[in-house]
């Protein structure tokens, strides 16, 4: 081998190897903001992802989806991935200034969650829950509508229940009771329920399943689960705080759909992209979601489908609106 060829190969081999390492060995911190109701599945997905990508340090922050978005818009906190319990939060608060696209990936339903210690639990049914929760010696909790989709979805469900059960004034009576038990995100209420401080909480069915709690399923006309009732759901609305002080946003009822995006200025885009591929894959992340009571809705119409990276387009399709 000539001396010149030896010199060339000596320079090329480390270069080729370094390129290979960069392509196959992800590293650094990956920052994920996610809805409280995603805490259990996201922890499991992160653990599974780390088995194949051990050099990525995943930092997850759980909060109400609206509060998570405000960490980005108001506090300018660094973030790679935002997973919201309501895809609309990403559309309204992050696109177009902070993100370019939004993939809808899972569904859920609102339920009434309780324990064996809850007062009148043995009498609870889908026909009398509103009477039991309104009793003076019963305490129930709900999430804050201005911080968490579960909070404003609870308000929507109560308005739907008022119509479905033909109970005028039901929603307003509920919204005036037990205000001291309203919390920034729905999972904050779990400790109060399990300690006996609360008898019932309005909560996602998936969280009840994940924490092995008892729950009452509400009719599809009320629980915001069934796309067949989309028109009926849209008859109710809730006004919440917007993305800027003093601004209000009116949200209409619609079937529960979760959304996820990568932030435009994500600090670790290679790791974020790999994590999203893993999370959205049917036999990987979505298998974990399904196990935890959050059925996949992939693929669904996507906001700004044309801006979704090519390797993620298979998890959505164009919105024809």
C-alpha atoms as a PDB file:
ATOM      1  CA  UNK A   1       0.000   0.000   0.000  1.00  0.00           C
ATOM      2  CA  UNK A   2       1.442   3.388  -1.018  1.00  0.00           C
ATOM      3  CA  UNK A   3       2.253   5.925   1.679  1.00  0.00           C
ATOM      4  CA  UNK A   4      -0.274   8.372   0.129  1.00  0.00           C
ATOM      5  CA  UNK A   5      -3.100   5.799   0.254  1.00  0.00           C
ATOM      6  CA  UNK A   6      -2.249   4.976   3.867  1.00  0.00           C
ATOM      7  CA  UNK A   7      -2.488   8.671   4.804  1.00  0.00           C
ATOM      8  CA  UNK A   8      -5.839   9.049   2.991  1.00  0.00           C
ATOM      9  CA  UNK A   9      -7.323   5.964   4.660  1.00  0.00           C
ATOM     10  CA  UNK A  10      -6.031   7.047   8.047  1.00  0.00           C
ATOM     11  CA  UNK A  11      -7.946  10.301   7.650  1.00  0.00           C
ATOM     12  CA  UNK A  12     -11.083   8.768   6.139  1.00  0.00           C
ATOM     13  CA  UNK A  13     -11.721   5.945   8.607  1.00  0.00           C
ATOM     14  CA  UNK A  14     -12.172   8.138  11.735  1.00  0.00           C
ATOM     15  CA  UNK A  15     -14.379  10.484   9.672  1.00  0.00           C
ATOM     16  CA  UNK A  16     -16.595   7.637   8.475  1.00  0.00           C
ATOM     17  CA  UNK A  17     -16.827   6.145  11.929  1.00  0.00           C
ATOM     18  CA  UNK A  18     -17.692   9.476  13.522  1.00  0.00           C
ATOM     19  CA  UNK A  19     -20.488   9.940  10.968  1.00  0.00           C
ATOM     20  CA  UNK A  20     -21.781   6.477  11.760  1.00  0.00           C
ATOM     21  CA  UNK A  21     -21.802   7.249  15.495  1.00  0.00           C
ATOM     22  CA  UNK A  22     -23.699  10.466  14.963  1.00  0.00           C
ATOM     23  CA  UNK A  23     -26.282   8.687  12.876  1.00  0.00           C
ATOM     24  CA  UNK A  24     -26.850   5.743  15.189  1.00  0.00           C
ATOM     25  CA  UNK A  25     -25.958   6.924  18.678  1.00  0.00           C
ATOM     26  CA  UNK A  26     -28.338   9.557  19.972  1.00  0.00           C
ATOM     27  CA  UNK A  27     -27.340  11.464  23.080  1.00  0.00           C
ATOM     28  CA  UNK A  28     -28.018  14.594  25.127  1.00  0.00           C
ATOM     29  CA  UNK A  29     -31.092  15.770  26.987  1.00  0.00           C
ATOM     30  CA  UNK A  30     -34.594  15.395  25.553  1.00  0.00           C
ATOM     31  CA  UNK A  31     -37.179  17.710  27.143  1.00  0.00           C
ATOM     32  CA  UNK A  32     -40.823  16.630  26.975  1.00  0.00           C
ATOM     33  CA  UNK A  33     -43.795  18.608  28.323  1.00  0.00           C
ATOM     34  CA  UNK A  34     -46.892  16.456  28.554  1.00  0.00           C
ATOM     35  CA  UNK A  35     -50.423  16.350  29.924  1.00  0.00           C
ATOM     36  CA  UNK A  36     -50.880  14.932  33.397  1.00  0.00           C
ATOM     37  CA  UNK A  37     -53.089  12.163  32.018  1.00  0.00           C
ATOM     38  CA  UNK A  38     -50.129  10.970  29.932  1.00  0.00           C
ATOM     39  CA  UNK A  39     -47.805  10.547  32.930  1.00  0.00           C
ATOM     40  CA  UNK A  40     -48.008   6.760  33.183  1.00  0.00           C
ATOM     41  CA  UNK A  41     -47.779   5.845  29.475  1.00  0.00           C
ATOM     42  CA  UNK A  42     -45.100   8.469  28.756  1.00  0.00           C
ATOM     43  CA  UNK A  43     -42.950   7.123  31.584  1.00  0.00           C
ATOM     44  CA  UNK A  44     -43.277   3.613  30.146  1.00  0.00           C
ATOM     45  CA  UNK A  45     -42.572   4.808  26.596  1.00  0.00           C
ATOM     46  CA  UNK A  46     -39.490   6.718  27.792  1.00  0.00           C
ATOM     47  CA  UNK A  47     -38.173   3.608  29.569  1.00  0.00           C
ATOM     48  CA  UNK A  48     -38.686   1.469  26.451  1.00  0.00           C
ATOM     49  CA  UNK A  49     -37.048   4.127  24.255  1.00  0.00           C
ATOM     50  CA  UNK A  50     -34.033   4.303  26.597  1.00  0.00           C
ATOM     51  CA  UNK A  51     -33.442   0.574  26.231  1.00  0.00           C
ATOM     52  CA  UNK A  52     -32.449   1.190  22.612  1.00  0.00           C
ATOM     53  CA  UNK A  53     -31.158   4.744  23.133  1.00  0.00           C
ATOM     54  CA  UNK A  54     -29.421   4.642  26.529  1.00  0.00           C
ATOM     55  CA  UNK A  55     -27.433   7.839  25.991  1.00  0.00           C
ATOM     56  CA  UNK A  56     -30.496  10.089  25.774  1.00  0.00           C
ATOM     57  CA  UNK A  57     -31.467  11.655  29.099  1.00  0.00           C
ATOM     58  CA  UNK A  58     -35.244  12.189  28.990  1.00  0.00           C
ATOM     59  CA  UNK A  59     -36.540  15.057  31.130  1.00  0.00           C
ATOM     60  CA  UNK A  60     -40.320  15.014  31.403  1.00  0.00           C
ATOM     61  CA  UNK A  61     -42.528  17.705  32.915  1.00  0.00           C
ATOM     62  CA  UNK A  62     -46.162  16.877  33.655  1.00  0.00           C
ATOM     63  CA  UNK A  63     -48.751  19.672  33.862  1.00  0.00           C
ATOM     64  CA  UNK A  64     -52.140  20.654  32.524  1.00  0.00           C
ATOM     65  CA  UNK A  65     -51.824  20.997  28.747  1.00  0.00           C
ATOM     66  CA  UNK A  66     -52.702  24.710  28.738  1.00  0.00           C
ATOM     67  CA  UNK A  67     -50.187  25.332  31.537  1.00  0.00           C
ATOM     68  CA  UNK A  68     -47.567  23.335  29.585  1.00  0.00           C
ATOM     69  CA  UNK A  69     -48.125  25.463  26.497  1.00  0.00           C
ATOM     70  CA  UNK A  70     -47.739  28.628  28.583  1.00  0.00           C
ATOM     71  CA  UNK A  71     -44.332  27.425  29.774  1.00  0.00           C
ATOM     72  CA  UNK A  72     -43.322  27.715  26.125  1.00  0.00           C
ATOM     73  CA  UNK A  73     -45.229  30.851  25.095  1.00  0.00           C
ATOM     74  CA  UNK A  74     -44.890  32.940  28.271  1.00  0.00           C
ATOM     75  CA  UNK A  75     -41.899  31.572  30.180  1.00  0.00           C
ATOM     76  CA  UNK A  76     -39.888  30.633  27.061  1.00  0.00           C
ATOM     77  CA  UNK A  77     -38.706  27.409  28.659  1.00  0.00           C
ATOM     78  CA  UNK A  78     -36.722  25.095  26.351  1.00  0.00           C
ATOM     79  CA  UNK A  79     -38.744  22.126  25.125  1.00  0.00           C
ATOM     80  CA  UNK A  80     -38.350  19.482  22.424  1.00  0.00           C
ATOM     81  CA  UNK A  81     -41.755  17.769  22.413  1.00  0.00           C
ATOM     82  CA  UNK A  82     -45.166  18.874  23.647  1.00  0.00           C
ATOM     83  CA  UNK A  83     -47.902  16.215  24.065  1.00  0.00           C
ATOM     84  CA  UNK A  84     -51.323  17.664  24.848  1.00  0.00           C
ATOM     85  CA  UNK A  85     -54.519  16.050  26.148  1.00  0.00           C
ATOM     86  CA  UNK A  86     -56.326  18.234  23.595  1.00  0.00           C
ATOM     87  CA  UNK A  87     -54.809  18.732  20.157  1.00  0.00           C
ATOM     88  CA  UNK A  88     -56.583  22.119  20.007  1.00  0.00           C
ATOM     89  CA  UNK A  89     -54.170  23.510  22.638  1.00  0.00           C
ATOM     90  CA  UNK A  90     -51.284  23.015  20.205  1.00  0.00           C
ATOM     91  CA  UNK A  91     -53.256  24.506  17.316  1.00  0.00           C
ATOM     92  CA  UNK A  92     -54.380  27.557  19.299  1.00  0.00           C
ATOM     93  CA  UNK A  93     -51.332  28.285  21.447  1.00  0.00           C
ATOM     94  CA  UNK A  94     -48.217  26.947  19.692  1.00  0.00           C
ATOM     95  CA  UNK A  95     -48.920  27.118  15.948  1.00  0.00           C
ATOM     96  CA  UNK A  96     -47.597  29.087  14.083  1.00  0.00           C
ATOM     97  CA  UNK A  97     -45.176  30.899  16.409  1.00  0.00           C
ATOM     98  CA  UNK A  98     -43.634  27.932  18.243  1.00  0.00           C
ATOM     99  CA  UNK A  99     -44.521  24.837  16.199  1.00  0.00           C
ATOM    100  CA  UNK A 100     -45.395  24.005  12.589  1.00  0.00           C
ATOM    101  CA  UNK A 101     -47.564  20.877  12.801  1.00  0.00           C
ATOM    102  CA  UNK A 102     -49.670  18.707  15.081  1.00  0.00           C
ATOM    103  CA  UNK A 103     -50.244  14.932  14.973  1.00  0.00           C
ATOM    104  CA  UNK A 104     -53.396  13.568  16.654  1.00  0.00           C
ATOM    105  CA  UNK A 105     -52.588  10.226  18.244  1.00  0.00           C
ATOM    106  CA  UNK A 106     -54.954   8.993  21.000  1.00  0.00           C
ATOM    107  CA  UNK A 107     -58.425   9.331  22.494  1.00  0.00           C
ATOM    108  CA  UNK A 108     -60.024   9.100  25.917  1.00  0.00           C
ATOM    109  CA  UNK A 109     -63.310   9.676  27.740  1.00  0.00           C
ATOM    110  CA  UNK A 110     -64.489  11.514  30.835  1.00  0.00           C
ATOM    111  CA  UNK A 111     -65.668   9.408  33.769  1.00  0.00           C
ATOM    112  CA  UNK A 112     -66.446   9.756  37.478  1.00  0.00           C
ATOM    113  CA  UNK A 113     -63.693   8.115  39.529  1.00  0.00           C
ATOM    114  CA  UNK A 114     -64.037   6.931  43.107  1.00  0.00           C
ATOM    115  CA  UNK A 115     -62.858   4.383  45.689  1.00  0.00           C
ATOM    116  CA  UNK A 116     -64.481   1.881  48.019  1.00  0.00           C
ATOM    117  CA  UNK A 117     -64.368   4.590  50.721  1.00  0.00           C
ATOM    118  CA  UNK A 118     -66.418   7.090  48.680  1.00  0.00           C
ATOM    119  CA  UNK A 119     -69.740   8.005  50.289  1.00  0.00           C
ATOM    120  CA  UNK A 120     -72.759   6.380  48.617  1.00  0.00           C
ATOM    121  CA  UNK A 121     -70.474   4.455  46.230  1.00  0.00           C
ATOM    122  CA  UNK A 122     -72.696   1.384  46.429  1.00  0.00           C
ATOM    123  CA  UNK A 123     -75.653   3.452  45.195  1.00  0.00           C
ATOM    124  CA  UNK A 124     -73.845   5.252  42.350  1.00  0.00           C
ATOM    125  CA  UNK A 125     -75.212   4.756  38.825  1.00  0.00           C
ATOM    126  CA  UNK A 126     -75.361   6.513  35.483  1.00  0.00           C
ATOM    127  CA  UNK A 127     -78.884   7.631  36.390  1.00  0.00           C
ATOM    128  CA  UNK A 128     -78.215   9.234  39.777  1.00  0.00           C
ATOM    129  CA  UNK A 129     -74.569  10.389  39.935  1.00  0.00           C
ATOM    130  CA  UNK A 130     -75.596  14.043  39.699  1.00  0.00           C
ATOM    131  CA  UNK A 131     -77.820  13.698  42.773  1.00  0.00           C
ATOM    132  CA  UNK A 132     -75.148  11.874  44.792  1.00  0.00           C
ATOM    133  CA  UNK A 133     -72.316  14.312  43.974  1.00  0.00           C
ATOM    134  CA  UNK A 134     -74.516  17.263  44.927  1.00  0.00           C
ATOM    135  CA  UNK A 135     -75.196  15.925  48.438  1.00  0.00           C
ATOM    136  CA  UNK A 136     -73.902  18.193  51.225  1.00  0.00           C
ATOM    137  CA  UNK A 137     -71.801  15.433  52.788  1.00  0.00           C
ATOM    138  CA  UNK A 138     -70.147  14.479  49.496  1.00  0.00           C
ATOM    139  CA  UNK A 139     -67.018  16.212  48.152  1.00  0.00           C
ATOM    140  CA  UNK A 140     -65.910  16.026  44.526  1.00  0.00           C
ATOM    141  CA  UNK A 141     -62.919  17.471  42.694  1.00  0.00           C
ATOM    142  CA  UNK A 142     -62.209  18.682  39.188  1.00  0.00           C
ATOM    143  CA  UNK A 143     -59.352  20.247  37.255  1.00  0.00           C
ATOM    144  CA  UNK A 144     -59.041  23.977  36.589  1.00  0.00           C
ATOM    145  CA  UNK A 145     -60.466  24.805  33.122  1.00  0.00           C
ATOM    146  CA  UNK A 146     -57.822  27.503  32.634  1.00  0.00           C
ATOM    147  CA  UNK A 147     -54.954  25.065  33.155  1.00  0.00           C
ATOM    148  CA  UNK A 148     -56.087  21.685  31.964  1.00  0.00           C
ATOM    149  CA  UNK A 149     -58.263  20.226  29.182  1.00  0.00           C
ATOM    150  CA  UNK A 150     -59.775  17.805  31.701  1.00  0.00           C
ATOM    151  CA  UNK A 151     -61.028  20.907  33.525  1.00  0.00           C
ATOM    152  CA  UNK A 152     -62.819  22.492  30.596  1.00  0.00           C
ATOM    153  CA  UNK A 153     -63.994  19.103  29.355  1.00  0.00           C
ATOM    154  CA  UNK A 154     -65.627  18.557  32.757  1.00  0.00           C
ATOM    155  CA  UNK A 155     -67.536  21.814  32.297  1.00  0.00           C
ATOM    156  CA  UNK A 156     -68.570  20.724  28.800  1.00  0.00           C
ATOM    157  CA  UNK A 157     -69.686  17.315  30.075  1.00  0.00           C
ATOM    158  CA  UNK A 158     -71.783  18.926  32.806  1.00  0.00           C
ATOM    159  CA  UNK A 159     -73.502  21.127  30.214  1.00  0.00           C
ATOM    160  CA  UNK A 160     -74.143  18.064  28.057  1.00  0.00           C
ATOM    161  CA  UNK A 161     -75.470  16.207  31.100  1.00  0.00           C
ATOM    162  CA  UNK A 162     -77.880  19.052  31.819  1.00  0.00           C
ATOM    163  CA  UNK A 163     -79.375  18.565  28.376  1.00  0.00           C
ATOM    164  CA  UNK A 164     -79.176  14.759  28.280  1.00  0.00           C
ATOM    165  CA  UNK A 165     -80.822  14.225  31.675  1.00  0.00           C
ATOM    166  CA  UNK A 166     -83.191  17.196  31.220  1.00  0.00           C
ATOM    167  CA  UNK A 167     -81.972  18.840  34.433  1.00  0.00           C
ATOM    168  CA  UNK A 168     -82.103  22.647  33.980  1.00  0.00           C
ATOM    169  CA  UNK A 169     -79.420  24.445  35.994  1.00  0.00           C
ATOM    170  CA  UNK A 170     -77.435  21.260  36.698  1.00  0.00           C
ATOM    171  CA  UNK A 171     -74.159  22.609  35.298  1.00  0.00           C
ATOM    172  CA  UNK A 172     -74.270  25.925  37.171  1.00  0.00           C
ATOM    173  CA  UNK A 173     -75.026  24.144  40.467  1.00  0.00           C
ATOM    174  CA  UNK A 174     -72.081  21.803  39.997  1.00  0.00           C
ATOM    175  CA  UNK A 175     -69.713  24.620  39.056  1.00  0.00           C
ATOM    176  CA  UNK A 176     -70.485  26.478  42.299  1.00  0.00           C
ATOM    177  CA  UNK A 177     -69.872  23.469  44.576  1.00  0.00           C
ATOM    178  CA  UNK A 178     -66.564  22.313  46.083  1.00  0.00           C
ATOM    179  CA  UNK A 179     -64.464  25.038  44.426  1.00  0.00           C
ATOM    180  CA  UNK A 180     -61.791  24.514  47.087  1.00  0.00           C
ATOM    181  CA  UNK A 181     -61.100  21.133  45.508  1.00  0.00           C
ATOM    182  CA  UNK A 182     -60.278  22.466  42.036  1.00  0.00           C
ATOM    183  CA  UNK A 183     -56.649  21.770  41.056  1.00  0.00           C
ATOM    184  CA  UNK A 184     -54.315  22.811  38.174  1.00  0.00           C
ATOM    185  CA  UNK A 185     -54.341  19.335  36.631  1.00  0.00           C
ATOM    186  CA  UNK A 186     -56.544  16.331  37.020  1.00  0.00           C
ATOM    187  CA  UNK A 187     -53.895  13.967  38.410  1.00  0.00           C
ATOM    188  CA  UNK A 188     -53.313  16.387  41.324  1.00  0.00           C
ATOM    189  CA  UNK A 189     -56.677  15.169  42.623  1.00  0.00           C
ATOM    190  CA  UNK A 190     -55.654  11.519  42.939  1.00  0.00           C
ATOM    191  CA  UNK A 191     -53.959  11.868  46.333  1.00  0.00           C
ATOM    192  CA  UNK A 192     -57.032  13.648  47.723  1.00  0.00           C
ATOM    193  CA  UNK A 193     -59.260  10.853  46.462  1.00  0.00           C
ATOM    194  CA  UNK A 194     -57.079   8.037  47.744  1.00  0.00           C
ATOM    195  CA  UNK A 195     -56.715   9.698  51.183  1.00  0.00           C
ATOM    196  CA  UNK A 196     -60.497  10.031  51.491  1.00  0.00           C
ATOM    197  CA  UNK A 197     -60.512  13.848  51.364  1.00  0.00           C
ATOM    198  CA  UNK A 198     -62.552  13.552  48.174  1.00  0.00           C
ATOM    199  CA  UNK A 199     -65.317  11.095  47.391  1.00  0.00           C
ATOM    200  CA  UNK A 200     -65.342  11.527  43.609  1.00  0.00           C
ATOM    201  CA  UNK A 201     -63.360  13.233  40.869  1.00  0.00           C
ATOM    202  CA  UNK A 202     -64.106  13.976  37.239  1.00  0.00           C
ATOM    203  CA  UNK A 203     -61.256  12.252  35.476  1.00  0.00           C
ATOM    204  CA  UNK A 204     -60.188  10.475  32.305  1.00  0.00           C
ATOM    205  CA  UNK A 205     -61.063   6.783  32.203  1.00  0.00           C
ATOM    206  CA  UNK A 206     -57.445   5.986  31.278  1.00  0.00           C
ATOM    207  CA  UNK A 207     -56.121   7.473  34.529  1.00  0.00           C
ATOM    208  CA  UNK A 208     -58.610   5.404  36.540  1.00  0.00           C
ATOM    209  CA  UNK A 209     -57.420   2.269  34.713  1.00  0.00           C
ATOM    210  CA  UNK A 210     -53.736   3.141  35.231  1.00  0.00           C
ATOM    211  CA  UNK A 211     -54.228   3.693  38.973  1.00  0.00           C
ATOM    212  CA  UNK A 212     -56.605   0.746  39.413  1.00  0.00           C
ATOM    213  CA  UNK A 213     -59.450   2.945  40.666  1.00  0.00           C
ATOM    214  CA  UNK A 214     -63.190   2.400  40.389  1.00  0.00           C
ATOM    215  CA  UNK A 215     -64.974   4.505  37.797  1.00  0.00           C
ATOM    216  CA  UNK A 216     -68.446   5.170  36.484  1.00  0.00           C
ATOM    217  CA  UNK A 217     -68.792   5.338  32.715  1.00  0.00           C
ATOM    218  CA  UNK A 218     -70.987   8.200  31.555  1.00  0.00           C
ATOM    219  CA  UNK A 219     -73.328   7.982  28.531  1.00  0.00           C
ATOM    220  CA  UNK A 220     -71.698   8.701  25.168  1.00  0.00           C
ATOM    221  CA  UNK A 221     -73.933  11.761  24.884  1.00  0.00           C
ATOM    222  CA  UNK A 222     -71.996  13.181  27.864  1.00  0.00           C
ATOM    223  CA  UNK A 223     -68.492  11.629  28.010  1.00  0.00           C
ATOM    224  CA  UNK A 224     -66.990  13.359  24.927  1.00  0.00           C
ATOM    225  CA  UNK A 225     -65.710  10.043  23.586  1.00  0.00           C
ATOM    226  CA  UNK A 226     -67.859   9.107  20.632  1.00  0.00           C
ATOM    227  CA  UNK A 227     -67.279  10.823  17.239  1.00  0.00           C
ATOM    228  CA  UNK A 228     -70.893   9.918  16.330  1.00  0.00           C
ATOM    229  CA  UNK A 229     -71.996  12.618  18.794  1.00  0.00           C
ATOM    230  CA  UNK A 230     -69.581  15.291  17.527  1.00  0.00           C
ATOM    231  CA  UNK A 231     -72.382  17.600  16.425  1.00  0.00           C
ATOM    232  CA  UNK A 232     -74.116  17.272  19.795  1.00  0.00           C
ATOM    233  CA  UNK A 233     -70.856  17.944  21.642  1.00  0.00           C
ATOM    234  CA  UNK A 234     -70.286  21.108  19.602  1.00  0.00           C
ATOM    235  CA  UNK A 235     -73.498  22.606  21.012  1.00  0.00           C
ATOM    236  CA  UNK A 236     -71.670  23.403  24.276  1.00  0.00           C
ATOM    237  CA  UNK A 237     -68.685  25.663  24.790  1.00  0.00           C
ATOM    238  CA  UNK A 238     -66.348  26.970  27.507  1.00  0.00           C
ATOM    239  CA  UNK A 239     -64.414  30.242  27.695  1.00  0.00           C
ATOM    240  CA  UNK A 240     -60.880  29.986  29.083  1.00  0.00           C
ATOM    241  CA  UNK A 241     -57.852  32.259  29.364  1.00  0.00           C
ATOM    242  CA  UNK A 242     -55.912  32.641  26.117  1.00  0.00           C
ATOM    243  CA  UNK A 243     -52.201  32.691  25.351  1.00  0.00           C
ATOM    244  CA  UNK A 244     -51.848  36.360  26.341  1.00  0.00           C
ATOM    245  CA  UNK A 245     -52.986  38.228  29.493  1.00  0.00           C
ATOM    246  CA  UNK A 246     -56.557  39.451  29.132  1.00  0.00           C
ATOM    247  CA  UNK A 247     -57.225  37.334  26.056  1.00  0.00           C
ATOM    248  CA  UNK A 248     -60.074  34.802  26.164  1.00  0.00           C
ATOM    249  CA  UNK A 249     -60.600  31.755  23.968  1.00  0.00           C
ATOM    250  CA  UNK A 250     -63.925  30.008  23.437  1.00  0.00           C
ATOM    251  CA  UNK A 251     -63.667  26.236  23.005  1.00  0.00           C
ATOM    252  CA  UNK A 252     -66.462  24.137  21.576  1.00  0.00           C
ATOM    253  CA  UNK A 253     -67.125  20.590  22.696  1.00  0.00           C
ATOM    254  CA  UNK A 254     -65.720  17.841  20.498  1.00  0.00           C
ATOM    255  CA  UNK A 255     -64.543  14.224  20.838  1.00  0.00           C
ATOM    256  CA  UNK A 256     -61.384  13.891  22.963  1.00  0.00           C
ATOM    257  CA  UNK A 257     -58.264  13.719  20.831  1.00  0.00           C
ATOM    258  CA  UNK A 258     -54.657  14.075  22.061  1.00  0.00           C
ATOM    259  CA  UNK A 259     -52.019  15.868  19.976  1.00  0.00           C
ATOM    260  CA  UNK A 260     -48.221  15.981  19.837  1.00  0.00           C
ATOM    261  CA  UNK A 261     -45.682  18.233  18.155  1.00  0.00           C
ATOM    262  CA  UNK A 262     -41.967  18.984  18.054  1.00  0.00           C
ATOM    263  CA  UNK A 263     -41.115  22.582  18.849  1.00  0.00           C
ATOM    264  CA  UNK A 264     -39.557  24.616  16.070  1.00  0.00           C
ATOM    265  CA  UNK A 265     -36.572  25.538  18.267  1.00  0.00           C
ATOM    266  CA  UNK A 266     -36.265  22.098  19.880  1.00  0.00           C
ATOM    267  CA  UNK A 267     -32.778  21.881  21.470  1.00  0.00           C
ATOM    268  CA  UNK A 268     -32.299  18.207  20.508  1.00  0.00           C
ATOM    269  CA  UNK A 269     -34.094  17.591  17.218  1.00  0.00           C
ATOM    270  CA  UNK A 270     -32.429  14.248  16.362  1.00  0.00           C
ATOM    271  CA  UNK A 271     -33.491  12.698  19.680  1.00  0.00           C
ATOM    272  CA  UNK A 272     -36.937  14.328  19.488  1.00  0.00           C
ATOM    273  CA  UNK A 273     -37.534  12.907  16.014  1.00  0.00           C
ATOM    274  CA  UNK A 274     -36.417   9.430  17.081  1.00  0.00           C
ATOM    275  CA  UNK A 275     -38.642   9.569  20.156  1.00  0.00           C
ATOM    276  CA  UNK A 276     -41.678  10.634  18.107  1.00  0.00           C
ATOM    277  CA  UNK A 277     -41.112   7.785  15.640  1.00  0.00           C
ATOM    278  CA  UNK A 278     -40.941   5.373  18.576  1.00  0.00           C
ATOM    279  CA  UNK A 279     -43.951   6.873  20.374  1.00  0.00           C
ATOM    280  CA  UNK A 280     -46.236   6.875  17.334  1.00  0.00           C
ATOM    281  CA  UNK A 281     -45.309   3.407  16.046  1.00  0.00           C
ATOM    282  CA  UNK A 282     -48.153   0.892  16.415  1.00  0.00           C
ATOM    283  CA  UNK A 283     -45.976  -1.875  17.879  1.00  0.00           C
ATOM    284  CA  UNK A 284     -43.990   0.419  20.181  1.00  0.00           C
ATOM    285  CA  UNK A 285     -45.315   3.581  21.843  1.00  0.00           C
ATOM    286  CA  UNK A 286     -48.935   3.219  20.746  1.00  0.00           C
ATOM    287  CA  UNK A 287     -49.006  -0.342  22.047  1.00  0.00           C
ATOM    288  CA  UNK A 288     -48.124   1.095  25.460  1.00  0.00           C
ATOM    289  CA  UNK A 289     -50.799   3.811  25.083  1.00  0.00           C
ATOM    290  CA  UNK A 290     -53.463   1.233  24.265  1.00  0.00           C
ATOM    291  CA  UNK A 291     -52.485  -0.879  27.282  1.00  0.00           C
ATOM    292  CA  UNK A 292     -52.988   2.189  29.462  1.00  0.00           C
ATOM    293  CA  UNK A 293     -56.516   2.872  28.264  1.00  0.00           C
ATOM    294  CA  UNK A 294     -55.749   5.462  25.590  1.00  0.00           C
ATOM    295  CA  UNK A 295     -56.790   4.033  22.206  1.00  0.00           C
ATOM    296  CA  UNK A 296     -54.876   5.054  19.106  1.00  0.00           C
ATOM    297  CA  UNK A 297     -56.581   7.261  16.518  1.00  0.00           C
ATOM    298  CA  UNK A 298     -53.645   7.151  14.086  1.00  0.00           C
ATOM    299  CA  UNK A 299     -53.870   8.253  11.325  1.00  0.00           C
ATOM    300  CA  UNK A 300     -56.102  11.315  11.565  1.00  0.00           C
ATOM    301  CA  UNK A 301     -56.197  14.617   9.670  1.00  0.00           C
ATOM    302  CA  UNK A 302     -53.262  16.782  10.712  1.00  0.00           C
ATOM    303  CA  UNK A 303     -52.880  20.524  11.047  1.00  0.00           C
ATOM    304  CA  UNK A 304     -50.326  21.686   8.455  1.00  0.00           C
ATOM    305  CA  UNK A 305     -49.796  18.135   7.176  1.00  0.00           C
ATOM    306  CA  UNK A 306     -47.463  19.446   4.483  1.00  0.00           C
ATOM    307  CA  UNK A 307     -45.081  20.672   7.201  1.00  0.00           C
ATOM    308  CA  UNK A 308     -44.847  17.342   9.030  1.00  0.00           C
ATOM    309  CA  UNK A 309     -41.368  15.807   8.547  1.00  0.00           C
ATOM    310  CA  UNK A 310     -41.400  13.073   5.915  1.00  0.00           C
ATOM    311  CA  UNK A 311     -40.560  10.295   8.372  1.00  0.00           C
ATOM    312  CA  UNK A 312     -43.654  11.150  10.459  1.00  0.00           C
ATOM    313  CA  UNK A 313     -46.174  11.655   7.640  1.00  0.00           C
ATOM    314  CA  UNK A 314     -47.295   8.021   7.854  1.00  0.00           C
ATOM    315  CA  UNK A 315     -48.924   8.822  11.233  1.00  0.00           C
ATOM    316  CA  UNK A 316     -51.354  11.371   9.782  1.00  0.00           C
ATOM    317  CA  UNK A 317     -53.096  12.412   6.595  1.00  0.00           C
ATOM    318  CA  UNK A 318     -54.050  15.775   5.062  1.00  0.00           C
ATOM    319  CA  UNK A 319     -56.948  17.700   6.562  1.00  0.00           C
ATOM    320  CA  UNK A 320     -59.460  18.131   3.719  1.00  0.00           C
ATOM    321  CA  UNK A 321     -61.273  21.059   5.343  1.00  0.00           C
END
